[in-house]
Amino acid sequence: MQADLFHRGEEEHQYLFLWIYDVWIKLYGRKFADAQVTIERARGRMYPAAWDYALAFTPEQRAAKWKQIRDERTAR
């Protein structure tokens, strides 16, 4: 869904997490989504900071931020 928006080697997890959490909730429920966040955070490296970034926003703010990023990157 976002593969064409980023360059090879560019860190994109914080942007992925803007939308995937809410998709998980819609598809599988909040318990599943929260469990996935716990698993992802345990991976270390960029994952905890990327989740902190994404989950600092409300669902509406995440959607708006994702739309902004998508629109900026497709306007190139």
PDB file of N, CA and C in Angstrom:
ATOM      1  N   MET A   1       0.811  -1.194   0.000  1.00  0.00           N
ATOM      2  CA  MET A   1       0.000   0.000   0.000  1.00  0.00           C
ATOM      3  C   MET A   1       0.858   1.262   0.000  1.00  0.00           C
ATOM      4  N   GLN A   2       2.039   1.179   0.563  1.00  0.00           N
ATOM      5  CA  GLN A   2       2.870   2.375   0.622  1.00  0.00           C
ATOM      6  C   GLN A   2       4.234   2.178  -0.023  1.00  0.00           C
ATOM      7  N   ALA A   3       4.463   1.040  -0.632  1.00  0.00           N
ATOM      8  CA  ALA A   3       5.779   0.713  -1.163  1.00  0.00           C
ATOM      9  C   ALA A   3       6.302   1.742  -2.155  1.00  0.00           C
ATOM     10  N   ASP A   4       5.448   2.294  -2.974  1.00  0.00           N
ATOM     11  CA  ASP A   4       5.895   3.243  -3.989  1.00  0.00           C
ATOM     12  C   ASP A   4       6.094   4.662  -3.456  1.00  0.00           C
ATOM     13  N   LEU A   5       5.816   4.872  -2.183  1.00  0.00           N
ATOM     14  CA  LEU A   5       5.920   6.223  -1.620  1.00  0.00           C
ATOM     15  C   LEU A   5       7.281   6.522  -1.024  1.00  0.00           C
ATOM     16  N   PHE A   6       8.073   5.495  -0.781  1.00  0.00           N
ATOM     17  CA  PHE A   6       9.346   5.680  -0.088  1.00  0.00           C
ATOM     18  C   PHE A   6      10.493   5.149  -0.933  1.00  0.00           C
ATOM     19  N   HIS A   7      11.662   5.707  -0.699  1.00  0.00           N
ATOM     20  CA  HIS A   7      12.865   5.281  -1.411  1.00  0.00           C
ATOM     21  C   HIS A   7      13.486   4.088  -0.696  1.00  0.00           C
ATOM     22  N   ARG A   8      14.214   3.297  -1.447  1.00  0.00           N
ATOM     23  CA  ARG A   8      14.922   2.154  -0.870  1.00  0.00           C
ATOM     24  C   ARG A   8      15.847   2.650   0.247  1.00  0.00           C
ATOM     25  N   GLY A   9      15.778   2.002   1.376  1.00  0.00           N
ATOM     26  CA  GLY A   9      16.619   2.358   2.507  1.00  0.00           C
ATOM     27  C   GLY A   9      16.033   3.445   3.399  1.00  0.00           C
ATOM     28  N   GLU A  10      14.958   4.061   2.974  1.00  0.00           N
ATOM     29  CA  GLU A  10      14.321   5.111   3.770  1.00  0.00           C
ATOM     30  C   GLU A  10      13.483   4.458   4.873  1.00  0.00           C
ATOM     31  N   GLU A  11      13.629   4.934   6.090  1.00  0.00           N
ATOM     32  CA  GLU A  11      12.871   4.371   7.212  1.00  0.00           C
ATOM     33  C   GLU A  11      11.405   4.778   7.096  1.00  0.00           C
ATOM     34  N   GLU A  12      10.542   3.800   7.017  1.00  0.00           N
ATOM     35  CA  GLU A  12       9.128   4.086   6.792  1.00  0.00           C
ATOM     36  C   GLU A  12       8.207   3.508   7.856  1.00  0.00           C
ATOM     37  N   HIS A  13       8.753   2.874   8.885  1.00  0.00           N
ATOM     38  CA  HIS A  13       7.899   2.221   9.882  1.00  0.00           C
ATOM     39  C   HIS A  13       6.958   3.192  10.589  1.00  0.00           C
ATOM     40  N   GLN A  14       7.434   4.382  10.930  1.00  0.00           N
ATOM     41  CA  GLN A  14       6.536   5.302  11.636  1.00  0.00           C
ATOM     42  C   GLN A  14       5.339   5.672  10.777  1.00  0.00           C
ATOM     43  N   TYR A  15       5.504   5.659   9.468  1.00  0.00           N
ATOM     44  CA  TYR A  15       4.393   5.966   8.569  1.00  0.00           C
ATOM     45  C   TYR A  15       3.480   4.753   8.393  1.00  0.00           C
ATOM     46  N   LEU A  16       4.064   3.573   8.292  1.00  0.00           N
ATOM     47  CA  LEU A  16       3.293   2.340   8.231  1.00  0.00           C
ATOM     48  C   LEU A  16       2.399   2.218   9.463  1.00  0.00           C
ATOM     49  N   PHE A  17       2.965   2.530  10.609  1.00  0.00           N
ATOM     50  CA  PHE A  17       2.225   2.378  11.858  1.00  0.00           C
ATOM     51  C   PHE A  17       1.126   3.422  12.010  1.00  0.00           C
ATOM     52  N   LEU A  18       1.142   4.460  11.206  1.00  0.00           N
ATOM     53  CA  LEU A  18       0.046   5.434  11.231  1.00  0.00           C
ATOM     54  C   LEU A  18      -1.276   4.809  10.794  1.00  0.00           C
ATOM     55  N   TRP A  19      -1.213   3.823   9.920  1.00  0.00           N
ATOM     56  CA  TRP A  19      -2.451   3.241   9.421  1.00  0.00           C
ATOM     57  C   TRP A  19      -2.656   1.776   9.798  1.00  0.00           C
ATOM     58  N   ILE A  20      -1.580   1.026   9.994  1.00  0.00           N
ATOM     59  CA  ILE A  20      -1.764  -0.417  10.186  1.00  0.00           C
ATOM     60  C   ILE A  20      -2.449  -0.749  11.512  1.00  0.00           C
ATOM     61  N   TYR A  21      -2.186   0.037  12.558  1.00  0.00           N
ATOM     62  CA  TYR A  21      -2.826  -0.218  13.850  1.00  0.00           C
ATOM     63  C   TYR A  21      -4.351  -0.158  13.719  1.00  0.00           C
ATOM     64  N   ASP A  22      -4.840   0.859  13.054  1.00  0.00           N
ATOM     65  CA  ASP A  22      -6.283   1.018  12.897  1.00  0.00           C
ATOM     66  C   ASP A  22      -6.879  -0.039  11.970  1.00  0.00           C
ATOM     67  N   VAL A  23      -6.128  -0.485  10.998  1.00  0.00           N
ATOM     68  CA  VAL A  23      -6.583  -1.589  10.147  1.00  0.00           C
ATOM     69  C   VAL A  23      -6.695  -2.863  10.979  1.00  0.00           C
ATOM     70  N   TRP A  24      -5.681  -3.131  11.806  1.00  0.00           N
ATOM     71  CA  TRP A  24      -5.744  -4.312  12.679  1.00  0.00           C
ATOM     72  C   TRP A  24      -6.979  -4.262  13.571  1.00  0.00           C
ATOM     73  N   ILE A  25      -7.259  -3.087  14.130  1.00  0.00           N
ATOM     74  CA  ILE A  25      -8.433  -2.959  15.001  1.00  0.00           C
ATOM     75  C   ILE A  25      -9.704  -3.293  14.227  1.00  0.00           C
ATOM     76  N   LYS A  26      -9.827  -2.737  13.034  1.00  0.00           N
ATOM     77  CA  LYS A  26     -11.034  -2.986  12.239  1.00  0.00           C
ATOM     78  C   LYS A  26     -11.169  -4.447  11.830  1.00  0.00           C
ATOM     79  N   LEU A  27     -10.060  -5.080  11.499  1.00  0.00           N
ATOM     80  CA  LEU A  27     -10.107  -6.466  11.041  1.00  0.00           C
ATOM     81  C   LEU A  27     -10.179  -7.485  12.170  1.00  0.00           C
ATOM     82  N   TYR A  28      -9.400  -7.245  13.240  1.00  0.00           N
ATOM     83  CA  TYR A  28      -9.223  -8.285  14.258  1.00  0.00           C
ATOM     84  C   TYR A  28      -9.550  -7.846  15.681  1.00  0.00           C
ATOM     85  N   GLY A  29      -9.794  -6.559  15.893  1.00  0.00           N
ATOM     86  CA  GLY A  29     -10.114  -6.067  17.232  1.00  0.00           C
ATOM     87  C   GLY A  29      -8.917  -5.443  17.936  1.00  0.00           C
ATOM     88  N   ARG A  30      -9.217  -4.665  18.955  1.00  0.00           N
ATOM     89  CA  ARG A  30      -8.183  -3.924  19.695  1.00  0.00           C
ATOM     90  C   ARG A  30      -7.218  -4.863  20.428  1.00  0.00           C
ATOM     91  N   LYS A  31      -7.731  -5.949  20.982  1.00  0.00           N
ATOM     92  CA  LYS A  31      -6.856  -6.879  21.707  1.00  0.00           C
ATOM     93  C   LYS A  31      -5.753  -7.407  20.789  1.00  0.00           C
ATOM     94  N   PHE A  32      -6.125  -7.794  19.583  1.00  0.00           N
ATOM     95  CA  PHE A  32      -5.141  -8.265  18.610  1.00  0.00           C
ATOM     96  C   PHE A  32      -4.159  -7.152  18.261  1.00  0.00           C
ATOM     97  N   ALA A  33      -4.677  -5.962  17.969  1.00  0.00           N
ATOM     98  CA  ALA A  33      -3.818  -4.835  17.578  1.00  0.00           C
ATOM     99  C   ALA A  33      -2.817  -4.512  18.680  1.00  0.00           C
ATOM    100  N   ASP A  34      -3.291  -4.462  19.910  1.00  0.00           N
ATOM    101  CA  ASP A  34      -2.389  -4.166  21.023  1.00  0.00           C
ATOM    102  C   ASP A  34      -1.335  -5.251  21.212  1.00  0.00           C
ATOM    103  N   ALA A  35      -1.735  -6.508  21.006  1.00  0.00           N
ATOM    104  CA  ALA A  35      -0.765  -7.608  21.097  1.00  0.00           C
ATOM    105  C   ALA A  35       0.309  -7.477  20.025  1.00  0.00           C
ATOM    106  N   GLN A  36      -0.083  -7.076  18.823  1.00  0.00           N
ATOM    107  CA  GLN A  36       0.888  -6.900  17.746  1.00  0.00           C
ATOM    108  C   GLN A  36       1.865  -5.763  18.055  1.00  0.00           C
ATOM    109  N   VAL A  37       1.358  -4.692  18.655  1.00  0.00           N
ATOM    110  CA  VAL A  37       2.234  -3.574  19.040  1.00  0.00           C
ATOM    111  C   VAL A  37       3.259  -4.062  20.060  1.00  0.00           C
ATOM    112  N   THR A  38       2.828  -4.862  21.025  1.00  0.00           N
ATOM    113  CA  THR A  38       3.748  -5.408  22.026  1.00  0.00           C
ATOM    114  C   THR A  38       4.832  -6.250  21.369  1.00  0.00           C
ATOM    115  N   ILE A  39       4.436  -7.093  20.433  1.00  0.00           N
ATOM    116  CA  ILE A  39       5.402  -7.926  19.702  1.00  0.00           C
ATOM    117  C   ILE A  39       6.368  -7.055  18.907  1.00  0.00           C
ATOM    118  N   GLU A  40       5.827  -6.069  18.205  1.00  0.00           N
ATOM    119  CA  GLU A  40       6.664  -5.189  17.386  1.00  0.00           C
ATOM    120  C   GLU A  40       7.655  -4.399  18.249  1.00  0.00           C
ATOM    121  N   ARG A  41       7.194  -3.862  19.371  1.00  0.00           N
ATOM    122  CA  ARG A  41       8.073  -3.100  20.256  1.00  0.00           C
ATOM    123  C   ARG A  41       9.236  -3.959  20.759  1.00  0.00           C
ATOM    124  N   ALA A  42       8.975  -5.234  20.997  1.00  0.00           N
ATOM    125  CA  ALA A  42      10.003  -6.137  21.509  1.00  0.00           C
ATOM    126  C   ALA A  42      11.114  -6.392  20.499  1.00  0.00           C
ATOM    127  N   ARG A  43      10.872  -6.081  19.253  1.00  0.00           N
ATOM    128  CA  ARG A  43      11.894  -6.269  18.218  1.00  0.00           C
ATOM    129  C   ARG A  43      13.046  -5.282  18.346  1.00  0.00           C
ATOM    130  N   GLY A  44      12.804  -4.206  19.089  1.00  0.00           N
ATOM    131  CA  GLY A  44      13.865  -3.217  19.288  1.00  0.00           C
ATOM    132  C   GLY A  44      14.090  -2.365  18.061  1.00  0.00           C
ATOM    133  N   ARG A  45      15.336  -1.941  17.896  1.00  0.00           N
ATOM    134  CA  ARG A  45      15.760  -1.073  16.804  1.00  0.00           C
ATOM    135  C   ARG A  45      14.807   0.108  16.639  1.00  0.00           C
ATOM    136  N   MET A  46      14.229   0.283  15.466  1.00  0.00           N
ATOM    137  CA  MET A  46      13.389   1.448  15.188  1.00  0.00           C
ATOM    138  C   MET A  46      11.941   1.262  15.632  1.00  0.00           C
ATOM    139  N   TYR A  47      11.556   0.056  15.975  1.00  0.00           N
ATOM    140  CA  TYR A  47      10.153  -0.243  16.241  1.00  0.00           C
ATOM    141  C   TYR A  47       9.551   0.510  17.431  1.00  0.00           C
ATOM    142  N   PRO A  48      10.181   0.520  18.604  1.00  0.00           N
ATOM    143  CA  PRO A  48       9.551   1.247  19.713  1.00  0.00           C
ATOM    144  C   PRO A  48       9.313   2.728  19.409  1.00  0.00           C
ATOM    145  N   ALA A  49      10.289   3.393  18.837  1.00  0.00           N
ATOM    146  CA  ALA A  49      10.134   4.821  18.520  1.00  0.00           C
ATOM    147  C   ALA A  49       9.065   5.041  17.453  1.00  0.00           C
ATOM    148  N   ALA A  50       8.989   4.148  16.483  1.00  0.00           N
ATOM    149  CA  ALA A  50       7.979   4.280  15.434  1.00  0.00           C
ATOM    150  C   ALA A  50       6.573   4.100  16.014  1.00  0.00           C
ATOM    151  N   TRP A  51       6.422   3.156  16.929  1.00  0.00           N
ATOM    152  CA  TRP A  51       5.116   2.986  17.571  1.00  0.00           C
ATOM    153  C   TRP A  51       4.790   4.166  18.476  1.00  0.00           C
ATOM    154  N   ASP A  52       5.779   4.670  19.205  1.00  0.00           N
ATOM    155  CA  ASP A  52       5.546   5.861  20.039  1.00  0.00           C
ATOM    156  C   ASP A  52       5.052   7.018  19.184  1.00  0.00           C
ATOM    157  N   TYR A  53       5.679   7.207  18.041  1.00  0.00           N
ATOM    158  CA  TYR A  53       5.287   8.280  17.123  1.00  0.00           C
ATOM    159  C   TYR A  53       3.838   8.110  16.682  1.00  0.00           C
ATOM    160  N   ALA A  54       3.515   6.942  16.162  1.00  0.00           N
ATOM    161  CA  ALA A  54       2.180   6.718  15.592  1.00  0.00           C
ATOM    162  C   ALA A  54       1.084   6.763  16.656  1.00  0.00           C
ATOM    163  N   LEU A  55       1.344   6.169  17.798  1.00  0.00           N
ATOM    164  CA  LEU A  55       0.299   6.074  18.817  1.00  0.00           C
ATOM    165  C   LEU A  55       0.176   7.341  19.662  1.00  0.00           C
ATOM    166  N   ALA A  56       1.028   8.307  19.412  1.00  0.00           N
ATOM    167  CA  ALA A  56       0.879   9.609  20.078  1.00  0.00           C
ATOM    168  C   ALA A  56      -0.305  10.380  19.497  1.00  0.00           C
ATOM    169  N   PHE A  57      -0.773   9.958  18.328  1.00  0.00           N
ATOM    170  CA  PHE A  57      -1.896  10.601  17.647  1.00  0.00           C
ATOM    171  C   PHE A  57      -3.196   9.848  17.942  1.00  0.00           C
ATOM    172  N   THR A  58      -4.302  10.553  17.874  1.00  0.00           N
ATOM    173  CA  THR A  58      -5.611   9.903  17.926  1.00  0.00           C
ATOM    174  C   THR A  58      -5.826   9.188  16.592  1.00  0.00           C
ATOM    175  N   PRO A  59      -6.819   8.298  16.511  1.00  0.00           N
ATOM    176  CA  PRO A  59      -7.090   7.657  15.215  1.00  0.00           C
ATOM    177  C   PRO A  59      -7.344   8.676  14.099  1.00  0.00           C
ATOM    178  N   GLU A  60      -8.061   9.726  14.412  1.00  0.00           N
ATOM    179  CA  GLU A  60      -8.351  10.759  13.408  1.00  0.00           C
ATOM    180  C   GLU A  60      -7.082  11.491  12.993  1.00  0.00           C
ATOM    181  N   GLN A  61      -6.224  11.779  13.966  1.00  0.00           N
ATOM    182  CA  GLN A  61      -4.960  12.448  13.649  1.00  0.00           C
ATOM    183  C   GLN A  61      -4.040  11.541  12.837  1.00  0.00           C
ATOM    184  N   ARG A  62      -4.016  10.250  13.161  1.00  0.00           N
ATOM    185  CA  ARG A  62      -3.204   9.309  12.374  1.00  0.00           C
ATOM    186  C   ARG A  62      -3.676   9.280  10.931  1.00  0.00           C
ATOM    187  N   ALA A  63      -4.977   9.215  10.736  1.00  0.00           N
ATOM    188  CA  ALA A  63      -5.530   9.186   9.381  1.00  0.00           C
ATOM    189  C   ALA A  63      -5.182  10.464   8.629  1.00  0.00           C
ATOM    190  N   ALA A  64      -5.304  11.600   9.291  1.00  0.00           N
ATOM    191  CA  ALA A  64      -4.989  12.882   8.648  1.00  0.00           C
ATOM    192  C   ALA A  64      -3.503  12.974   8.325  1.00  0.00           C
ATOM    193  N   LYS A  65      -2.655  12.518   9.236  1.00  0.00           N
ATOM    194  CA  LYS A  65      -1.198  12.556   9.015  1.00  0.00           C
ATOM    195  C   LYS A  65      -0.831  11.640   7.849  1.00  0.00           C
ATOM    196  N   TRP A  66      -1.416  10.440   7.820  1.00  0.00           N
ATOM    197  CA  TRP A  66      -1.135   9.515   6.717  1.00  0.00           C
ATOM    198  C   TRP A  66      -1.572  10.115   5.388  1.00  0.00           C
ATOM    199  N   LYS A  67      -2.750  10.717   5.358  1.00  0.00           N
ATOM    200  CA  LYS A  67      -3.242  11.350   4.131  1.00  0.00           C
ATOM    201  C   LYS A  67      -2.296  12.456   3.686  1.00  0.00           C
ATOM    202  N   GLN A  68      -1.818  13.253   4.620  1.00  0.00           N
ATOM    203  CA  GLN A  68      -0.883  14.332   4.302  1.00  0.00           C
ATOM    204  C   GLN A  68       0.403  13.774   3.688  1.00  0.00           C
ATOM    205  N   ILE A  69       0.961  12.768   4.305  1.00  0.00           N
ATOM    206  CA  ILE A  69       2.200  12.158   3.803  1.00  0.00           C
ATOM    207  C   ILE A  69       1.973  11.532   2.440  1.00  0.00           C
ATOM    208  N   ARG A  70       0.888  10.783   2.303  1.00  0.00           N
ATOM    209  CA  ARG A  70       0.564  10.149   1.018  1.00  0.00           C
ATOM    210  C   ARG A  70       0.408  11.189  -0.077  1.00  0.00           C
ATOM    211  N   ASP A  71      -0.332  12.252   0.215  1.00  0.00           N
ATOM    212  CA  ASP A  71      -0.557  13.296  -0.783  1.00  0.00           C
ATOM    213  C   ASP A  71       0.740  14.009  -1.158  1.00  0.00           C
ATOM    214  N   GLU A  72       1.583  14.286  -0.184  1.00  0.00           N
ATOM    215  CA  GLU A  72       2.866  14.942  -0.462  1.00  0.00           C
ATOM    216  C   GLU A  72       3.744  14.064  -1.344  1.00  0.00           C
ATOM    217  N   ARG A  73       3.745  12.784  -1.083  1.00  0.00           N
ATOM    218  CA  ARG A  73       4.631  11.877  -1.816  1.00  0.00           C
ATOM    219  C   ARG A  73       4.084  11.487  -3.181  1.00  0.00           C
ATOM    220  N   THR A  74       2.798  11.556  -3.376  1.00  0.00           N
ATOM    221  CA  THR A  74       2.257  11.235  -4.699  1.00  0.00           C
ATOM    222  C   THR A  74       2.226  12.466  -5.594  1.00  0.00           C
ATOM    223  N   ALA A  75       2.429  13.639  -5.023  1.00  0.00           N
ATOM    224  CA  ALA A  75       2.428  14.879  -5.802  1.00  0.00           C
ATOM    225  C   ALA A  75       3.763  15.098  -6.521  1.00  0.00           C
ATOM    226  N   ARG A  76       4.762  14.290  -6.203  1.00  0.00           N
ATOM    227  CA  ARG A  76       6.099  14.447  -6.820  1.00  0.00           C
ATOM    228  C   ARG A  76       6.057  14.242  -8.311  1.00  0.00           C
TER     229      ARG A  76
END
